[in-house]
Amino acid sequence: MTDAGGASGDTEVSRDEAAGGSPTSHLNAADNGRTVKGRTVHSWRVAFFALALAGLAGFAAWALLGSQLLAVRSVVVAGTHLVPASEVLSIAGVEPGTPLIRVNTGQIAARVDTIRQVRSTQVTRSWPDRVVIVVHERTPALAVPAPGGGFDLVDGTGVIVLWAAARPADLPLYPATAPVALLSGDPDLGAAAAVLGELPARLRRSVESVTAPSPDQVTLQLAGGITIVWGSTGQASAKSEELTVLMRTHSHYYDVSAQGTAVIK
């Protein structure tokens, strides 16, 4: 016998199946719909941010390179005492209105460095619209007799900084044997200037002239006819201490060029 109830349960078709689907297929369809919608929203967001970034990049490029918002409006010169600021500005050649990003600071510094009294130059951009030029000038260290009279005041590398009719009291005489125009980079003059720079202030003020037949034979002439053979640069502290003791003898000749074997006369 056949169970009528069982046969009916085996052959019954649900409404979902009759409609051509199942509960699982409906869930999958809903998930697919949400996925497509999510992808669409994500794509719009990506496109929006991409356009926004492109716009910002374009504005930044325009502001830096093409507009007057970040262009040179002023040039400031600092550190000048010997060189007129107007001369620095003229040689620097910074054009007003130039986009600040296009200002070549290295080229400007190189042009300013061609001024004889300038030792080095630092150029910086000061946003949003300023260029700052800081000049480090040469400092006279020695007075060299000039061919036509007076004195050429040279720095420690032999470069002529100024001319003076009379020797300044704070600059020792350097009686060079070579023409002053050839003293730039001279090692003997460089050694003489270096020794002066390492002397104690009290002794430095007493130096009237300095000679240097060679870099290791720097000799100082002090007021009162006192001669000090200093020798080469270096060991300045030890030489100064030794000289302080020796000068108590009130001699007129001191040789401290070789430490520990001082000579007095």
Protein backbone atom coordinates (compact mmCIF):
# COMPACT_ATOMS: atom_id res chain seq x y z
CA MET A 1 0.00 0.00 0.00
CA THR A 2 0.97 3.39 -0.64
CA ASP A 3 0.79 6.07 2.05
CA ALA A 4 -1.30 8.86 0.60
CA GLY A 5 0.16 11.38 2.97
CA GLY A 6 3.72 10.39 2.12
CA ALA A 7 3.14 10.52 -1.60
CA SER A 8 1.65 13.89 -1.32
CA GLY A 9 4.69 15.18 0.69
CA ASP A 10 7.15 13.79 -1.87
CA THR A 11 5.44 15.38 -4.85
CA GLU A 12 4.48 18.75 -3.34
CA VAL A 13 6.20 21.74 -4.97
CA SER A 14 6.70 24.90 -2.93
CA ARG A 15 5.56 28.26 -4.16
CA ASP A 16 9.19 29.44 -4.52
CA GLU A 17 10.08 26.43 -6.62
CA ALA A 18 6.93 26.84 -8.68
CA ALA A 19 7.93 30.40 -9.35
CA GLY A 20 11.18 29.14 -10.71
CA GLY A 21 13.44 30.02 -7.76
CA SER A 22 14.46 29.07 -4.28
CA PRO A 23 15.09 30.92 -0.97
CA THR A 24 18.82 30.67 -1.60
CA SER A 25 18.61 32.24 -5.06
CA HIS A 26 16.70 35.21 -3.65
CA LEU A 27 19.37 35.81 -1.03
CA ASN A 28 22.12 35.63 -3.64
CA ALA A 29 20.31 38.14 -5.81
CA ALA A 30 20.00 40.57 -2.90
CA ASP A 31 23.69 40.22 -2.07
CA ASN A 32 24.65 40.80 -5.69
CA GLY A 33 22.57 43.95 -5.78
CA ARG A 34 24.21 45.34 -2.71
CA THR A 35 27.67 44.48 -4.09
CA VAL A 36 27.04 46.30 -7.38
CA LYS A 37 25.71 49.32 -5.53
CA GLY A 38 28.73 49.36 -3.21
CA ARG A 39 31.10 49.17 -6.12
CA THR A 40 29.36 52.07 -7.81
CA VAL A 41 29.60 54.27 -4.72
CA HIS A 42 33.28 53.35 -4.26
CA SER A 43 34.03 54.23 -7.89
CA TRP A 44 32.39 57.62 -7.50
CA ARG A 45 34.40 58.30 -4.36
CA VAL A 46 37.67 57.37 -6.09
CA ALA A 47 36.82 59.56 -9.05
CA PHE A 48 35.88 62.47 -6.78
CA PHE A 49 39.11 62.33 -4.78
CA ALA A 50 41.18 61.90 -7.93
CA LEU A 51 39.61 65.02 -9.42
CA ALA A 52 40.09 66.92 -6.17
CA LEU A 53 43.76 65.97 -5.99
CA ALA A 54 44.27 66.92 -9.63
CA GLY A 55 42.67 70.28 -8.94
CA LEU A 56 44.84 70.92 -5.93
CA ALA A 57 47.96 69.93 -7.88
CA GLY A 58 46.99 72.25 -10.70
CA PHE A 59 46.37 75.14 -8.31
CA ALA A 60 49.68 74.53 -6.53
CA ALA A 61 51.53 74.49 -9.86
CA TRP A 62 49.82 77.69 -10.95
CA ALA A 63 50.53 79.39 -7.60
CA LEU A 64 54.21 78.38 -7.66
CA LEU A 65 55.00 78.90 -11.34
CA GLY A 66 52.46 81.10 -13.00
CA SER A 67 50.89 83.50 -10.55
CA GLN A 68 52.05 86.54 -8.63
CA LEU A 69 50.95 85.07 -5.31
CA LEU A 70 54.38 83.53 -4.65
CA ALA A 71 56.57 85.81 -6.72
CA VAL A 72 59.51 87.99 -5.67
CA ARG A 73 58.33 91.31 -4.26
CA SER A 74 61.41 92.30 -2.25
CA VAL A 75 65.11 91.46 -1.91
CA VAL A 76 66.79 92.00 1.48
CA VAL A 77 70.57 92.42 1.83
CA ALA A 78 72.25 91.90 5.22
CA GLY A 79 75.82 91.85 6.52
CA THR A 80 77.28 94.61 4.39
CA HIS A 81 79.62 97.23 5.82
CA LEU A 82 82.19 97.77 3.09
CA VAL A 83 80.03 97.00 0.08
CA PRO A 84 76.96 99.16 -0.66
CA ALA A 85 73.73 97.19 -0.59
CA SER A 86 72.85 98.73 -3.95
CA GLU A 87 75.93 97.10 -5.50
CA VAL A 88 74.94 93.72 -4.11
CA LEU A 89 71.40 94.09 -5.48
CA SER A 90 72.69 95.11 -8.89
CA ILE A 91 75.06 92.17 -9.21
CA ALA A 92 72.59 89.69 -7.69
CA GLY A 93 70.20 90.41 -10.57
CA VAL A 94 66.99 89.20 -8.92
CA GLU A 95 64.06 90.30 -11.08
CA PRO A 96 60.90 91.39 -9.22
CA GLY A 97 57.93 89.26 -10.18
CA THR A 98 59.99 86.11 -10.72
CA PRO A 99 58.19 83.09 -9.24
CA LEU A 100 60.02 82.39 -6.00
CA ILE A 101 60.36 78.69 -6.82
CA ARG A 102 62.37 79.62 -9.92
CA VAL A 103 64.91 81.75 -8.06
CA ASN A 104 68.30 80.02 -8.35
CA THR A 105 69.95 80.80 -5.02
CA GLY A 106 73.25 79.19 -6.00
CA GLN A 107 73.67 81.36 -9.09
CA ILE A 108 72.82 84.51 -7.16
CA ALA A 109 75.40 83.67 -4.47
CA ALA A 110 78.04 82.98 -7.13
CA ARG A 111 77.43 86.38 -8.73
CA VAL A 112 77.65 88.24 -5.41
CA ASP A 113 80.85 86.34 -4.55
CA THR A 114 82.56 88.07 -7.49
CA ILE A 115 82.59 91.31 -5.48
CA ARG A 116 86.16 91.67 -4.21
CA GLN A 117 85.25 92.52 -0.63
CA VAL A 118 82.88 89.56 -0.31
CA ARG A 119 84.23 86.36 1.26
CA SER A 120 81.04 84.31 0.95
CA THR A 121 77.31 84.72 0.36
CA GLN A 122 74.22 82.90 1.54
CA VAL A 123 70.98 83.30 -0.40
CA THR A 124 67.63 81.94 0.79
CA ARG A 125 64.00 82.14 -0.25
CA SER A 126 61.72 83.61 2.40
CA TRP A 127 58.17 82.61 1.55
CA PRO A 128 55.90 83.89 0.29
CA ASP A 129 57.60 86.71 -1.64
CA ARG A 130 61.11 87.59 -0.41
CA VAL A 131 64.73 86.75 -1.23
CA VAL A 132 67.30 87.23 1.53
CA ILE A 133 71.00 87.77 0.70
CA VAL A 134 73.42 87.52 3.64
CA VAL A 135 76.93 88.73 2.82
CA HIS A 136 80.06 87.78 4.75
CA GLU A 137 82.69 90.38 3.97
CA ARG A 138 86.44 89.98 4.03
CA THR A 139 88.27 91.35 7.06
CA PRO A 140 91.58 93.21 6.61
CA ALA A 141 94.43 91.49 8.46
CA LEU A 142 97.59 93.19 7.19
CA ALA A 143 98.67 96.50 5.69
CA VAL A 144 100.86 96.15 2.60
CA PRO A 145 102.67 99.21 1.13
CA ALA A 146 100.91 100.12 -2.10
CA PRO A 147 102.96 100.84 -5.27
CA GLY A 148 101.56 104.35 -5.67
CA GLY A 149 101.68 105.23 -1.99
CA GLY A 150 99.44 104.46 0.92
CA PHE A 151 98.56 100.94 1.97
CA ASP A 152 96.55 98.09 0.53
CA LEU A 153 94.67 96.39 3.34
CA VAL A 154 94.55 92.66 2.61
CA ASP A 155 92.76 89.77 4.26
CA GLY A 156 94.30 86.49 5.35
CA THR A 157 94.29 85.15 1.79
CA GLY A 158 96.04 88.18 0.30
CA VAL A 159 92.96 89.70 -1.35
CA ILE A 160 92.93 93.50 -1.30
CA VAL A 161 89.94 94.66 0.72
CA LEU A 162 90.57 98.41 0.96
CA TRP A 163 93.15 101.10 0.31
CA ALA A 164 94.16 103.57 3.02
CA ALA A 165 96.38 106.63 2.89
CA ALA A 166 97.84 105.78 6.33
CA ARG A 167 98.33 102.44 8.02
CA PRO A 168 95.52 101.73 10.50
CA ALA A 169 96.86 101.40 14.04
CA ASP A 170 95.28 97.97 14.51
CA LEU A 171 96.78 96.43 11.34
CA PRO A 172 100.43 95.33 11.36
CA LEU A 173 102.64 96.19 8.41
CA TYR A 174 103.53 93.36 6.05
CA PRO A 175 106.51 94.46 3.93
CA ALA A 176 105.95 92.11 1.01
CA THR A 177 108.71 91.48 -1.50
CA ALA A 178 106.25 90.51 -4.24
CA PRO A 179 103.81 92.95 -5.87
CA VAL A 180 100.62 93.17 -3.88
CA ALA A 181 98.63 92.06 -6.92
CA LEU A 182 100.41 88.69 -6.72
CA LEU A 183 99.79 88.09 -3.02
CA SER A 184 96.40 86.42 -3.39
CA GLY A 185 96.82 82.88 -2.10
CA ASP A 186 100.41 83.50 -1.01
CA PRO A 187 101.31 80.89 1.68
CA ASP A 188 103.79 83.18 3.48
CA LEU A 189 101.23 85.94 3.90
CA GLY A 190 98.62 83.36 4.87
CA ALA A 191 100.89 82.05 7.64
CA ALA A 192 101.57 85.59 8.90
CA ALA A 193 97.85 86.35 9.09
CA ALA A 194 97.13 83.01 10.77
CA VAL A 195 99.76 83.65 13.47
CA LEU A 196 98.29 87.08 14.16
CA GLY A 197 94.88 85.48 14.54
CA GLU A 198 96.08 83.06 17.21
CA LEU A 199 98.03 85.56 19.32
CA PRO A 200 96.65 86.66 22.70
CA ALA A 201 94.88 90.00 22.40
CA ARG A 202 97.41 91.81 24.60
CA LEU A 203 100.34 90.66 22.46
CA ARG A 204 98.42 91.19 19.22
CA ARG A 205 97.91 94.88 19.99
CA SER A 206 101.67 95.38 20.37
CA VAL A 207 102.62 93.99 16.94
CA GLU A 208 103.76 96.71 14.56
CA SER A 209 104.91 94.54 11.67
CA VAL A 210 105.21 90.91 10.68
CA THR A 211 107.44 89.12 8.18
CA ALA A 212 107.35 85.58 6.86
CA PRO A 213 110.26 84.43 4.65
CA SER A 214 108.48 81.06 4.74
CA PRO A 215 105.33 79.74 6.43
CA ASP A 216 107.37 78.32 9.33
CA GLN A 217 109.45 81.46 9.92
CA VAL A 218 106.87 84.05 10.96
CA THR A 219 108.56 86.89 12.87
CA LEU A 220 106.85 89.65 14.82
CA GLN A 221 108.18 93.14 15.43
CA LEU A 222 106.74 94.76 18.56
CA ALA A 223 106.81 98.33 19.75
CA GLY A 224 110.07 99.22 21.45
CA GLY A 225 112.22 97.27 19.02
CA ILE A 226 111.29 93.82 20.36
CA THR A 227 111.58 90.87 17.95
CA ILE A 228 109.72 87.58 18.40
CA VAL A 229 110.48 84.62 16.18
CA TRP A 230 107.19 82.76 16.36
CA GLY A 231 107.79 80.15 13.71
CA SER A 232 104.85 78.29 12.22
CA THR A 233 101.21 78.27 13.20
CA GLY A 234 100.05 75.89 15.89
CA GLN A 235 100.90 75.39 19.57
CA ALA A 236 99.87 79.00 20.14
CA SER A 237 98.87 78.43 23.77
CA ALA A 238 102.20 76.80 24.71
CA LYS A 239 104.21 79.47 22.89
CA SER A 240 102.25 82.26 24.56
CA GLU A 241 102.81 80.82 28.03
CA GLU A 242 106.52 80.39 27.35
CA LEU A 243 106.81 83.89 25.95
CA THR A 244 105.06 85.40 28.96
CA VAL A 245 107.71 83.94 31.24
CA LEU A 246 110.61 84.91 28.97
CA MET A 247 109.49 88.52 28.55
CA ARG A 248 110.01 89.08 32.27
CA THR A 249 113.71 89.26 31.42
CA HIS A 250 113.02 92.45 29.41
CA SER A 251 115.13 91.22 26.51
CA HIS A 252 114.70 92.44 22.95
CA TYR A 253 114.84 89.11 21.08
CA TYR A 254 112.76 85.99 21.75
CA ASP A 255 112.69 82.81 19.69
CA VAL A 256 109.86 80.46 20.62
CA SER A 257 109.64 78.74 17.26
CA ALA A 258 110.82 75.42 18.74
CA GLN A 259 108.96 74.58 21.92
CA GLY A 260 111.22 73.84 24.87
CA THR A 261 114.31 75.38 23.28
CA ALA A 262 113.57 79.08 23.53
CA VAL A 263 116.31 81.62 22.80
CA ILE A 264 116.51 85.12 24.24
CA LYS A 265 119.01 87.89 23.57
